[in-house]
Amino acid sequence: MGICYNGVNKTYPTGGNAMTLGERLRQARLEAGLSQRQLCGDVITRNMLSLIENGSAKPSMDTLKMLSFRLGK
């Protein structure tokens, strides 16, 4: 079982196959058959989505909600 650090000095078990938020987002986008440009639309830039998917940026809750909605999740 793996341990994932959540950024607030707390850890939780991951079951061993933990994916980062960005990895999960990329996987969902690809499963939906969307390009980065199609997913972000005119709400965020494609570059910002790339940074989120690569773990270099943390999205706001509003951005996460928008991406989730556009992915049908």
PDB file of N, CA and C in Angstrom:
ATOM      1  N   MET A   1       0.848  -1.176   0.000  1.00  0.00           N
ATOM      2  CA  MET A   1       0.000   0.000   0.000  1.00  0.00           C
ATOM      3  C   MET A   1       0.889   1.233   0.000  1.00  0.00           C
ATOM      4  N   GLY A   2       0.580   2.215  -0.838  1.00  0.00           N
ATOM      5  CA  GLY A   2       1.341   3.445  -0.907  1.00  0.00           C
ATOM      6  C   GLY A   2       0.782   4.493   0.032  1.00  0.00           C
ATOM      7  N   ILE A   3       1.541   5.537   0.205  1.00  0.00           N
ATOM      8  CA  ILE A   3       1.103   6.680   1.012  1.00  0.00           C
ATOM      9  C   ILE A   3       1.198   7.913   0.132  1.00  0.00           C
ATOM     10  N   CYS A   4       0.173   8.735   0.177  1.00  0.00           N
ATOM     11  CA  CYS A   4       0.152   9.956  -0.619  1.00  0.00           C
ATOM     12  C   CYS A   4       0.107  11.153   0.310  1.00  0.00           C
ATOM     13  N   TYR A   5       0.970  12.119   0.078  1.00  0.00           N
ATOM     14  CA  TYR A   5       0.986  13.350   0.860  1.00  0.00           C
ATOM     15  C   TYR A   5      -0.002  14.320   0.238  1.00  0.00           C
ATOM     16  N   ASN A   6      -0.917  14.836   1.057  1.00  0.00           N
ATOM     17  CA  ASN A   6      -1.973  15.679   0.492  1.00  0.00           C
ATOM     18  C   ASN A   6      -1.696  17.175   0.534  1.00  0.00           C
ATOM     19  N   GLY A   7      -0.501  17.585   0.971  1.00  0.00           N
ATOM     20  CA  GLY A   7      -0.168  18.993   0.959  1.00  0.00           C
ATOM     21  C   GLY A   7      -0.590  19.759   2.199  1.00  0.00           C
ATOM     22  N   VAL A   8      -1.236  19.099   3.142  1.00  0.00           N
ATOM     23  CA  VAL A   8      -1.671  19.760   4.364  1.00  0.00           C
ATOM     24  C   VAL A   8      -1.163  18.958   5.565  1.00  0.00           C
ATOM     25  N   ASN A   9       0.036  18.426   5.443  1.00  0.00           N
ATOM     26  CA  ASN A   9       0.677  17.666   6.506  1.00  0.00           C
ATOM     27  C   ASN A   9      -0.123  16.451   6.938  1.00  0.00           C
ATOM     28  N   LYS A  10      -0.840  15.856   6.022  1.00  0.00           N
ATOM     29  CA  LYS A  10      -1.583  14.628   6.302  1.00  0.00           C
ATOM     30  C   LYS A  10      -1.309  13.640   5.185  1.00  0.00           C
ATOM     31  N   THR A  11      -1.327  12.379   5.521  1.00  0.00           N
ATOM     32  CA  THR A  11      -1.138  11.345   4.519  1.00  0.00           C
ATOM     33  C   THR A  11      -2.334  10.411   4.535  1.00  0.00           C
ATOM     34  N   TYR A  12      -2.551   9.727   3.440  1.00  0.00           N
ATOM     35  CA  TYR A  12      -3.616   8.749   3.377  1.00  0.00           C
ATOM     36  C   TYR A  12      -3.168   7.618   2.464  1.00  0.00           C
ATOM     37  N   PRO A  13      -3.660   6.398   2.722  1.00  0.00           N
ATOM     38  CA  PRO A  13      -3.254   5.259   1.897  1.00  0.00           C
ATOM     39  C   PRO A  13      -3.828   5.383   0.496  1.00  0.00           C
ATOM     40  N   THR A  14      -3.072   4.910  -0.466  1.00  0.00           N
ATOM     41  CA  THR A  14      -3.494   5.029  -1.859  1.00  0.00           C
ATOM     42  C   THR A  14      -3.816   3.692  -2.507  1.00  0.00           C
ATOM     43  N   GLY A  15      -3.507   2.602  -1.857  1.00  0.00           N
ATOM     44  CA  GLY A  15      -3.762   1.302  -2.458  1.00  0.00           C
ATOM     45  C   GLY A  15      -2.637   0.854  -3.363  1.00  0.00           C
ATOM     46  N   GLY A  16      -1.560   1.597  -3.453  1.00  0.00           N
ATOM     47  CA  GLY A  16      -0.389   1.174  -4.195  1.00  0.00           C
ATOM     48  C   GLY A  16      -0.250   1.710  -5.598  1.00  0.00           C
ATOM     49  N   ASN A  17      -1.324   2.055  -6.256  1.00  0.00           N
ATOM     50  CA  ASN A  17      -1.260   2.539  -7.636  1.00  0.00           C
ATOM     51  C   ASN A  17      -1.749   3.973  -7.718  1.00  0.00           C
ATOM     52  N   ALA A  18      -1.150   4.835  -6.933  1.00  0.00           N
ATOM     53  CA  ALA A  18      -1.603   6.222  -6.873  1.00  0.00           C
ATOM     54  C   ALA A  18      -1.284   6.962  -8.159  1.00  0.00           C
ATOM     55  N   MET A  19      -2.258   7.744  -8.598  1.00  0.00           N
ATOM     56  CA  MET A  19      -2.055   8.634  -9.731  1.00  0.00           C
ATOM     57  C   MET A  19      -2.194  10.051  -9.203  1.00  0.00           C
ATOM     58  N   THR A  20      -1.421  10.940  -9.759  1.00  0.00           N
ATOM     59  CA  THR A  20      -1.564  12.339  -9.371  1.00  0.00           C
ATOM     60  C   THR A  20      -2.851  12.894  -9.978  1.00  0.00           C
ATOM     61  N   LEU A  21      -3.267  14.035  -9.484  1.00  0.00           N
ATOM     62  CA  LEU A  21      -4.445  14.700 -10.044  1.00  0.00           C
ATOM     63  C   LEU A  21      -4.255  14.938 -11.535  1.00  0.00           C
ATOM     64  N   GLY A  22      -3.070  15.423 -11.911  1.00  0.00           N
ATOM     65  CA  GLY A  22      -2.793  15.681 -13.321  1.00  0.00           C
ATOM     66  C   GLY A  22      -2.863  14.431 -14.177  1.00  0.00           C
ATOM     67  N   GLU A  23      -2.341  13.318 -13.658  1.00  0.00           N
ATOM     68  CA  GLU A  23      -2.395  12.060 -14.399  1.00  0.00           C
ATOM     69  C   GLU A  23      -3.829  11.584 -14.569  1.00  0.00           C
ATOM     70  N   ARG A  24      -4.621  11.726 -13.518  1.00  0.00           N
ATOM     71  CA  ARG A  24      -6.029  11.329 -13.601  1.00  0.00           C
ATOM     72  C   ARG A  24      -6.783  12.213 -14.577  1.00  0.00           C
ATOM     73  N   LEU A  25      -6.475  13.499 -14.564  1.00  0.00           N
ATOM     74  CA  LEU A  25      -7.116  14.439 -15.481  1.00  0.00           C
ATOM     75  C   LEU A  25      -6.768  14.105 -16.926  1.00  0.00           C
ATOM     76  N   ARG A  26      -5.480  13.863 -17.191  1.00  0.00           N
ATOM     77  CA  ARG A  26      -5.049  13.505 -18.543  1.00  0.00           C
ATOM     78  C   ARG A  26      -5.729  12.215 -19.004  1.00  0.00           C
ATOM     79  N   GLN A  27      -5.767  11.217 -18.127  1.00  0.00           N
ATOM     80  CA  GLN A  27      -6.397   9.948 -18.481  1.00  0.00           C
ATOM     81  C   GLN A  27      -7.878  10.151 -18.826  1.00  0.00           C
ATOM     82  N   ALA A  28      -8.588  10.924 -18.009  1.00  0.00           N
ATOM     83  CA  ALA A  28     -10.006  11.179 -18.267  1.00  0.00           C
ATOM     84  C   ALA A  28     -10.192  11.938 -19.577  1.00  0.00           C
ATOM     85  N   ARG A  29      -9.302  12.901 -19.848  1.00  0.00           N
ATOM     86  CA  ARG A  29      -9.394  13.675 -21.094  1.00  0.00           C
ATOM     87  C   ARG A  29      -9.200  12.777 -22.305  1.00  0.00           C
ATOM     88  N   LEU A  30      -8.186  11.918 -22.227  1.00  0.00           N
ATOM     89  CA  LEU A  30      -7.913  11.011 -23.350  1.00  0.00           C
ATOM     90  C   LEU A  30      -9.042  10.003 -23.537  1.00  0.00           C
ATOM     91  N   GLU A  31      -9.584   9.494 -22.437  1.00  0.00           N
ATOM     92  CA  GLU A  31     -10.712   8.556 -22.529  1.00  0.00           C
ATOM     93  C   GLU A  31     -11.935   9.221 -23.150  1.00  0.00           C
ATOM     94  N   ALA A  32     -12.086  10.523 -22.917  1.00  0.00           N
ATOM     95  CA  ALA A  32     -13.198  11.274 -23.503  1.00  0.00           C
ATOM     96  C   ALA A  32     -12.927  11.662 -24.957  1.00  0.00           C
ATOM     97  N   GLY A  33     -11.704  11.413 -25.430  1.00  0.00           N
ATOM     98  CA  GLY A  33     -11.350  11.730 -26.806  1.00  0.00           C
ATOM     99  C   GLY A  33     -11.181  13.215 -27.066  1.00  0.00           C
ATOM    100  N   LEU A  34     -10.767  13.957 -26.039  1.00  0.00           N
ATOM    101  CA  LEU A  34     -10.627  15.401 -26.171  1.00  0.00           C
ATOM    102  C   LEU A  34      -9.163  15.818 -26.225  1.00  0.00           C
ATOM    103  N   SER A  35      -8.882  16.837 -27.011  1.00  0.00           N
ATOM    104  CA  SER A  35      -7.560  17.451 -26.991  1.00  0.00           C
ATOM    105  C   SER A  35      -7.519  18.411 -25.801  1.00  0.00           C
ATOM    106  N   GLN A  36      -6.333  18.867 -25.456  1.00  0.00           N
ATOM    107  CA  GLN A  36      -6.230  19.856 -24.386  1.00  0.00           C
ATOM    108  C   GLN A  36      -7.018  21.102 -24.740  1.00  0.00           C
ATOM    109  N   ARG A  37      -6.899  21.551 -25.970  1.00  0.00           N
ATOM    110  CA  ARG A  37      -7.603  22.766 -26.406  1.00  0.00           C
ATOM    111  C   ARG A  37      -9.117  22.589 -26.308  1.00  0.00           C
ATOM    112  N   GLN A  38      -9.619  21.413 -26.676  1.00  0.00           N
ATOM    113  CA  GLN A  38     -11.059  21.158 -26.596  1.00  0.00           C
ATOM    114  C   GLN A  38     -11.542  21.151 -25.151  1.00  0.00           C
ATOM    115  N   LEU A  39     -10.750  20.584 -24.259  1.00  0.00           N
ATOM    116  CA  LEU A  39     -11.169  20.511 -22.860  1.00  0.00           C
ATOM    117  C   LEU A  39     -11.178  21.875 -22.197  1.00  0.00           C
ATOM    118  N   CYS A  40     -10.149  22.670 -22.412  1.00  0.00           N
ATOM    119  CA  CYS A  40     -10.073  23.941 -21.685  1.00  0.00           C
ATOM    120  C   CYS A  40     -10.966  25.010 -22.287  1.00  0.00           C
ATOM    121  N   GLY A  41     -11.324  24.886 -23.553  1.00  0.00           N
ATOM    122  CA  GLY A  41     -12.201  25.871 -24.173  1.00  0.00           C
ATOM    123  C   GLY A  41     -11.636  27.270 -24.032  1.00  0.00           C
ATOM    124  N   ASP A  42     -12.488  28.208 -23.631  1.00  0.00           N
ATOM    125  CA  ASP A  42     -12.020  29.585 -23.458  1.00  0.00           C
ATOM    126  C   ASP A  42     -11.957  29.981 -21.985  1.00  0.00           C
ATOM    127  N   VAL A  43     -11.976  28.972 -21.103  1.00  0.00           N
ATOM    128  CA  VAL A  43     -11.972  29.250 -19.666  1.00  0.00           C
ATOM    129  C   VAL A  43     -10.549  29.338 -19.112  1.00  0.00           C
ATOM    130  N   ILE A  44      -9.698  28.380 -19.477  1.00  0.00           N
ATOM    131  CA  ILE A  44      -8.282  28.423 -19.096  1.00  0.00           C
ATOM    132  C   ILE A  44      -7.463  28.213 -20.358  1.00  0.00           C
ATOM    133  N   THR A  45      -6.197  28.543 -20.304  1.00  0.00           N
ATOM    134  CA  THR A  45      -5.348  28.352 -21.478  1.00  0.00           C
ATOM    135  C   THR A  45      -4.921  26.899 -21.604  1.00  0.00           C
ATOM    136  N   ARG A  46      -4.583  26.501 -22.808  1.00  0.00           N
ATOM    137  CA  ARG A  46      -4.075  25.163 -23.039  1.00  0.00           C
ATOM    138  C   ARG A  46      -2.783  24.955 -22.273  1.00  0.00           C
ATOM    139  N   ASN A  47      -1.975  26.008 -22.188  1.00  0.00           N
ATOM    140  CA  ASN A  47      -0.728  25.920 -21.444  1.00  0.00           C
ATOM    141  C   ASN A  47      -0.991  25.633 -19.963  1.00  0.00           C
ATOM    142  N   MET A  48      -2.003  26.274 -19.374  1.00  0.00           N
ATOM    143  CA  MET A  48      -2.333  26.027 -17.966  1.00  0.00           C
ATOM    144  C   MET A  48      -2.796  24.585 -17.779  1.00  0.00           C
ATOM    145  N   LEU A  49      -3.606  24.081 -18.690  1.00  0.00           N
ATOM    146  CA  LEU A  49      -4.038  22.688 -18.596  1.00  0.00           C
ATOM    147  C   LEU A  49      -2.841  21.751 -18.669  1.00  0.00           C
ATOM    148  N   SER A  50      -1.903  22.051 -19.548  1.00  0.00           N
ATOM    149  CA  SER A  50      -0.688  21.243 -19.652  1.00  0.00           C
ATOM    150  C   SER A  50       0.085  21.256 -18.339  1.00  0.00           C
ATOM    151  N   LEU A  51       0.212  22.434 -17.721  1.00  0.00           N
ATOM    152  CA  LEU A  51       0.912  22.534 -16.443  1.00  0.00           C
ATOM    153  C   LEU A  51       0.209  21.727 -15.356  1.00  0.00           C
ATOM    154  N   ILE A  52      -1.114  21.754 -15.345  1.00  0.00           N
ATOM    155  CA  ILE A  52      -1.885  20.977 -14.368  1.00  0.00           C
ATOM    156  C   ILE A  52      -1.661  19.486 -14.605  1.00  0.00           C
ATOM    157  N   GLU A  53      -1.771  19.067 -15.860  1.00  0.00           N
ATOM    158  CA  GLU A  53      -1.593  17.642 -16.180  1.00  0.00           C
ATOM    159  C   GLU A  53      -0.194  17.148 -15.836  1.00  0.00           C
ATOM    160  N   ASN A  54       0.794  18.010 -15.935  1.00  0.00           N
ATOM    161  CA  ASN A  54       2.174  17.628 -15.639  1.00  0.00           C
ATOM    162  C   ASN A  54       2.551  17.841 -14.176  1.00  0.00           C
ATOM    163  N   GLY A  55       1.605  18.291 -13.365  1.00  0.00           N
ATOM    164  CA  GLY A  55       1.861  18.467 -11.944  1.00  0.00           C
ATOM    165  C   GLY A  55       2.626  19.718 -11.588  1.00  0.00           C
ATOM    166  N   SER A  56       2.770  20.645 -12.527  1.00  0.00           N
ATOM    167  CA  SER A  56       3.517  21.873 -12.280  1.00  0.00           C
ATOM    168  C   SER A  56       2.638  23.014 -11.781  1.00  0.00           C
ATOM    169  N   ALA A  57       1.322  22.844 -11.835  1.00  0.00           N
ATOM    170  CA  ALA A  57       0.389  23.870 -11.358  1.00  0.00           C
ATOM    171  C   ALA A  57      -0.770  23.182 -10.663  1.00  0.00           C
ATOM    172  N   LYS A  58      -1.337  23.872  -9.700  1.00  0.00           N
ATOM    173  CA  LYS A  58      -2.495  23.357  -8.967  1.00  0.00           C
ATOM    174  C   LYS A  58      -3.719  24.170  -9.383  1.00  0.00           C
ATOM    175  N   PRO A  59      -4.754  23.517  -9.863  1.00  0.00           N
ATOM    176  CA  PRO A  59      -5.948  24.238 -10.294  1.00  0.00           C
ATOM    177  C   PRO A  59      -6.789  24.710  -9.116  1.00  0.00           C
ATOM    178  N   SER A  60      -7.520  25.781  -9.336  1.00  0.00           N
ATOM    179  CA  SER A  60      -8.475  26.247  -8.325  1.00  0.00           C
ATOM    180  C   SER A  60      -9.667  25.293  -8.308  1.00  0.00           C
ATOM    181  N   MET A  61     -10.482  25.400  -7.276  1.00  0.00           N
ATOM    182  CA  MET A  61     -11.690  24.566  -7.207  1.00  0.00           C
ATOM    183  C   MET A  61     -12.625  24.889  -8.367  1.00  0.00           C
ATOM    184  N   ASP A  62     -12.728  26.152  -8.737  1.00  0.00           N
ATOM    185  CA  ASP A  62     -13.580  26.521  -9.874  1.00  0.00           C
ATOM    186  C   ASP A  62     -13.095  25.871 -11.157  1.00  0.00           C
ATOM    187  N   THR A  63     -11.769  25.846 -11.361  1.00  0.00           N
ATOM    188  CA  THR A  63     -11.211  25.211 -12.550  1.00  0.00           C
ATOM    189  C   THR A  63     -11.474  23.713 -12.521  1.00  0.00           C
ATOM    190  N   LEU A  64     -11.297  23.087 -11.367  1.00  0.00           N
ATOM    191  CA  LEU A  64     -11.568  21.651 -11.251  1.00  0.00           C
ATOM    192  C   LEU A  64     -13.024  21.331 -11.551  1.00  0.00           C
ATOM    193  N   LYS A  65     -13.929  22.165 -11.046  1.00  0.00           N
ATOM    194  CA  LYS A  65     -15.356  21.953 -11.306  1.00  0.00           C
ATOM    195  C   LYS A  65     -15.659  22.066 -12.795  1.00  0.00           C
ATOM    196  N   MET A  66     -15.071  23.071 -13.440  1.00  0.00           N
ATOM    197  CA  MET A  66     -15.298  23.267 -14.880  1.00  0.00           C
ATOM    198  C   MET A  66     -14.770  22.074 -15.667  1.00  0.00           C
ATOM    199  N   LEU A  67     -13.548  21.638 -15.348  1.00  0.00           N
ATOM    200  CA  LEU A  67     -12.962  20.504 -16.069  1.00  0.00           C
ATOM    201  C   LEU A  67     -13.783  19.234 -15.845  1.00  0.00           C
ATOM    202  N   SER A  68     -14.207  19.023 -14.617  1.00  0.00           N
ATOM    203  CA  SER A  68     -15.040  17.867 -14.299  1.00  0.00           C
ATOM    204  C   SER A  68     -16.343  17.895 -15.092  1.00  0.00           C
ATOM    205  N   PHE A  69     -16.975  19.055 -15.150  1.00  0.00           N
ATOM    206  CA  PHE A  69     -18.223  19.200 -15.905  1.00  0.00           C
ATOM    207  C   PHE A  69     -18.002  18.889 -17.377  1.00  0.00           C
ATOM    208  N   ARG A  70     -16.927  19.447 -17.943  1.00  0.00           N
ATOM    209  CA  ARG A  70     -16.658  19.251 -19.369  1.00  0.00           C
ATOM    210  C   ARG A  70     -16.286  17.796 -19.682  1.00  0.00           C
ATOM    211  N   LEU A  71     -15.774  17.083 -18.670  1.00  0.00           N
ATOM    212  CA  LEU A  71     -15.430  15.672 -18.844  1.00  0.00           C
ATOM    213  C   LEU A  71     -16.619  14.762 -18.526  1.00  0.00           C
ATOM    214  N   GLY A  72     -17.707  15.361 -18.049  1.00  0.00           N
ATOM    215  CA  GLY A  72     -18.892  14.561 -17.715  1.00  0.00           C
ATOM    216  C   GLY A  72     -18.715  13.740 -16.457  1.00  0.00           C
ATOM    217  N   LYS A  73     -17.923  14.230 -15.531  1.00  0.00           N
ATOM    218  CA  LYS A  73     -17.644  13.499 -14.278  1.00  0.00           C
ATOM    219  C   LYS A  73     -18.359  14.133 -13.114  1.00  0.00           C
TER     220      LYS A  73
END
